[in-house]
Protein backbone atom coordinates (compact mmCIF):
# COMPACT_ATOMS: atom_id res chain seq x y z
CA UNK A 1 75.29 177.11 -96.69
CA UNK A 2 74.98 173.37 -96.28
CA UNK A 3 77.63 171.06 -97.64
CA UNK A 4 76.42 167.93 -99.43
CA UNK A 5 78.07 164.64 -98.49
CA UNK A 6 77.68 161.47 -100.55
CA UNK A 7 78.19 158.43 -98.32
CA UNK A 8 79.21 156.20 -101.22
CA UNK A 9 82.27 155.34 -103.28
CA UNK A 10 80.10 154.18 -106.20
CA UNK A 11 81.35 155.88 -109.38
CA UNK A 12 77.85 155.51 -110.83
CA UNK A 13 76.21 157.48 -108.02
CA UNK A 14 78.94 160.09 -108.15
CA UNK A 15 78.43 160.48 -111.91
CA UNK A 16 74.66 160.83 -111.51
CA UNK A 17 75.06 163.64 -108.98
CA UNK A 18 77.57 165.35 -111.24
CA UNK A 19 75.10 165.06 -114.13
CA UNK A 20 72.53 167.14 -112.26
CA UNK A 21 75.10 169.74 -111.24
CA UNK A 22 75.21 168.90 -107.54
CA UNK A 23 78.46 169.79 -105.79
CA UNK A 24 79.31 167.24 -103.13
CA UNK A 25 82.02 165.70 -101.01
CA UNK A 26 82.50 161.95 -101.31
CA UNK A 27 82.76 160.30 -97.88
CA UNK A 28 82.18 156.54 -98.24
CA UNK A 29 80.58 154.68 -95.35
CA UNK A 30 81.78 151.13 -94.82
CA UNK A 31 79.25 148.85 -93.16
CA UNK A 32 78.41 145.16 -93.27
CA UNK A 33 75.60 144.82 -95.83
CA UNK A 34 73.63 141.88 -94.46
CA UNK A 35 70.81 141.04 -96.88
CA UNK A 36 69.38 138.30 -94.68
CA UNK A 37 67.82 140.36 -91.88
CA UNK A 38 64.67 141.21 -93.84
CA UNK A 39 62.60 139.44 -96.48
CA UNK A 40 61.10 142.79 -97.49
CA UNK A 41 63.39 144.49 -100.03
CA UNK A 42 62.03 148.03 -99.53
CA UNK A 43 62.59 147.79 -95.77
CA UNK A 44 66.01 146.22 -96.35
CA UNK A 45 67.42 148.93 -98.64
CA UNK A 46 66.06 151.77 -96.52
CA UNK A 47 67.62 150.26 -93.39
CA UNK A 48 71.01 149.75 -95.05
CA UNK A 49 70.95 153.27 -96.53
CA UNK A 50 70.11 154.66 -93.07
CA UNK A 51 73.01 152.75 -91.50
CA UNK A 52 75.36 154.14 -94.15
CA UNK A 53 74.20 157.70 -93.46
CA UNK A 54 74.62 157.28 -89.70
CA UNK A 55 78.10 155.81 -90.18
CA UNK A 56 79.12 158.74 -92.40
CA UNK A 57 77.71 161.20 -89.85
CA UNK A 58 80.45 160.20 -87.39
CA UNK A 59 82.89 162.12 -89.61
CA UNK A 60 80.81 165.29 -90.06
CA UNK A 61 79.30 167.71 -87.56
CA UNK A 62 77.23 169.46 -90.23
CA UNK A 63 76.03 168.95 -93.77
CA UNK A 64 73.39 166.99 -95.66
CA UNK A 65 74.33 163.34 -96.08
CA UNK A 66 73.04 161.25 -98.99
CA UNK A 67 73.24 157.46 -98.68
CA UNK A 68 71.74 154.75 -100.85
CA UNK A 69 71.57 151.00 -101.34
CA UNK A 70 70.31 148.98 -104.30
CA UNK A 71 69.16 145.36 -104.59
CA UNK A 72 67.46 143.20 -107.18
CA UNK A 73 64.36 141.22 -106.19
CA UNK A 74 63.13 138.29 -108.26
CA UNK A 75 60.63 135.60 -107.26
CA UNK A 76 61.11 136.26 -103.56
CA UNK A 77 64.91 136.20 -103.82
CA UNK A 78 66.91 139.32 -102.94
CA UNK A 79 70.16 139.75 -104.86
CA UNK A 80 72.95 142.08 -103.91
CA UNK A 81 76.39 142.19 -105.52
CA UNK A 82 77.78 138.81 -106.62
CA UNK A 83 80.79 137.54 -104.71
CA UNK A 84 82.31 135.78 -107.70
CA UNK A 85 81.76 134.82 -111.34
CA UNK A 86 79.81 131.68 -110.43
CA UNK A 87 77.33 133.61 -108.32
CA UNK A 88 77.04 136.23 -111.07
CA UNK A 89 76.25 133.49 -113.60
CA UNK A 90 73.53 132.08 -111.35
CA UNK A 91 71.99 135.53 -110.97
CA UNK A 92 71.86 136.10 -114.73
CA UNK A 93 70.36 132.64 -115.29
CA UNK A 94 67.65 133.46 -112.72
CA UNK A 95 66.91 136.82 -114.37
CA UNK A 96 66.84 135.49 -117.94
CA UNK A 97 63.43 135.79 -119.67
CA UNK A 98 61.82 137.23 -116.54
CA UNK A 99 60.78 140.48 -114.95
CA UNK A 100 62.54 141.57 -111.76
CA UNK A 101 62.47 144.62 -109.54
CA UNK A 102 65.42 146.91 -108.91
CA UNK A 103 64.88 148.64 -105.57
CA UNK A 104 66.98 151.51 -104.27
CA UNK A 105 66.68 152.89 -100.77
CA UNK A 106 67.71 156.48 -100.08
CA UNK A 107 68.49 158.10 -96.75
CA UNK A 108 68.95 161.85 -96.33
CA UNK A 109 70.38 162.99 -93.01
CA UNK A 110 71.14 166.40 -91.56
CA UNK A 111 74.39 165.76 -89.69
CA UNK A 112 73.85 168.69 -87.31
CA UNK A 113 70.23 168.10 -86.25
CA UNK A 114 70.18 164.33 -86.75
CA UNK A 115 67.01 164.58 -88.82
CA UNK A 116 66.62 161.54 -91.08
CA UNK A 117 64.26 160.79 -93.97
CA UNK A 118 64.20 157.53 -95.93
CA UNK A 119 62.40 156.38 -99.05
CA UNK A 120 62.69 153.70 -101.71
CA UNK A 121 62.02 153.42 -105.42
CA UNK A 122 61.28 150.35 -107.53
CA UNK A 123 61.76 149.82 -111.26
CA UNK A 124 60.56 146.77 -113.21
CA UNK A 125 63.23 145.37 -115.54
CA UNK A 126 62.36 142.78 -118.18
CA UNK A 127 65.23 140.58 -119.36
CA UNK A 128 64.99 138.82 -122.68
CA UNK A 129 65.95 135.15 -122.87
CA UNK A 130 69.71 134.85 -122.58
CA UNK A 131 71.70 132.03 -124.16
CA UNK A 132 74.55 130.39 -122.23
CA UNK A 133 76.96 131.97 -124.72
CA UNK A 134 75.58 135.45 -124.08
CA UNK A 135 75.86 134.97 -120.32
CA UNK A 136 79.47 133.82 -120.64
CA UNK A 137 80.34 136.70 -122.96
CA UNK A 138 78.84 139.17 -120.53
CA UNK A 139 80.71 137.62 -117.62
CA UNK A 140 83.94 137.77 -119.64
CA UNK A 141 83.64 141.55 -119.99
CA UNK A 142 83.78 141.86 -116.18
CA UNK A 143 81.01 144.44 -115.96
CA UNK A 144 79.06 142.28 -113.50
CA UNK A 145 81.51 143.03 -110.69
CA UNK A 146 80.22 145.31 -107.91
CA UNK A 147 76.72 145.43 -109.47
CA UNK A 148 73.49 144.36 -107.76
CA UNK A 149 72.00 141.55 -109.83
CA UNK A 150 75.30 141.15 -111.74
CA UNK A 151 74.59 143.60 -114.56
CA UNK A 152 74.95 147.28 -115.47
CA UNK A 153 72.09 148.81 -117.44
CA UNK A 154 74.28 151.78 -118.38
CA UNK A 155 76.85 149.52 -120.06
CA UNK A 156 76.79 146.29 -122.02
CA UNK A 157 74.13 145.06 -119.65
CA UNK A 158 71.69 147.12 -121.72
CA UNK A 159 71.93 144.36 -124.34
CA UNK A 160 70.32 141.91 -121.90
CA UNK A 161 67.24 144.04 -121.32
CA UNK A 162 64.01 144.02 -123.31
CA UNK A 163 62.41 146.98 -121.53
CA UNK A 164 61.95 148.70 -118.20
CA UNK A 165 58.97 150.25 -116.42
CA UNK A 166 59.89 153.07 -114.07
CA UNK A 167 62.95 155.17 -113.36
CA UNK A 168 66.05 154.34 -115.41
CA UNK A 169 68.34 156.17 -112.97
CA UNK A 170 67.03 153.97 -110.16
CA UNK A 171 68.45 150.94 -111.97
CA UNK A 172 71.81 152.72 -112.30
CA UNK A 173 71.77 153.27 -108.53
CA UNK A 174 70.05 156.54 -107.60
CA UNK A 175 66.48 157.63 -108.49
CA UNK A 176 67.19 161.27 -109.25
CA UNK A 177 63.65 162.63 -109.18
CA UNK A 178 62.93 161.02 -105.80
CA UNK A 179 66.28 162.33 -104.52
CA UNK A 180 65.44 165.84 -105.76
CA UNK A 181 62.11 165.86 -103.90
CA UNK A 182 63.73 164.61 -100.70
CA UNK A 183 66.55 167.16 -100.84
CA UNK A 184 64.00 169.96 -101.22
CA UNK A 185 62.57 168.96 -97.84
CA UNK A 186 66.04 169.64 -96.39
CA UNK A 187 66.28 173.07 -98.00
CA UNK A 188 68.40 171.97 -100.96
CA UNK A 189 67.01 173.39 -104.20
CA UNK A 190 68.67 171.88 -107.27
CA UNK A 191 67.16 174.56 -109.51
CA UNK A 192 67.70 177.74 -107.57
CA UNK A 193 70.76 177.13 -105.43
CA UNK A 194 71.94 173.70 -104.56
CA UNK A 195 73.05 174.35 -100.97
CA UNK A 196 70.44 176.56 -99.38
CA UNK A 197 70.86 177.38 -95.69
CA UNK A 198 68.05 176.05 -93.51
């Protein structure tokens, strides 16, 4: 039976996998996440996710590794996680009253064979117009920390959003349906036995 390894310390991704009943080992991969090497967000997140999976593979001689990376893209600007409150404020100002894309790249890797598959998912998120007071109140709650685009749709950040088009779970950090389809290609069936031997 194949063990499942999540190459992430994100509590949101861990919670999503727990929600769908997937048993996994958490083995975070620490890499430098340089957002400047590509102007194409889909290519960017798939490359970073792939690097995370390969880094995690150094610790495992077998198992299926799941790695992911999420960014926000708005008007040609790619946003990762804000470094401080000021950068978070600027991100929210840029997103106010606009539509942006949340893009998550996924990499699945078989640690034994080295087989790698990558994909990405995009969700359109429409922010309503935010007042300076609302932005400050949101920043005060601290939820913006460690979040691409400086907000969390699954928390108070939901109050900033008018609507979305696409996968909600993608905005949280892991598009579950896409992940399910990719895992099936590696012999992992989430319905009939989550760790099927290949």
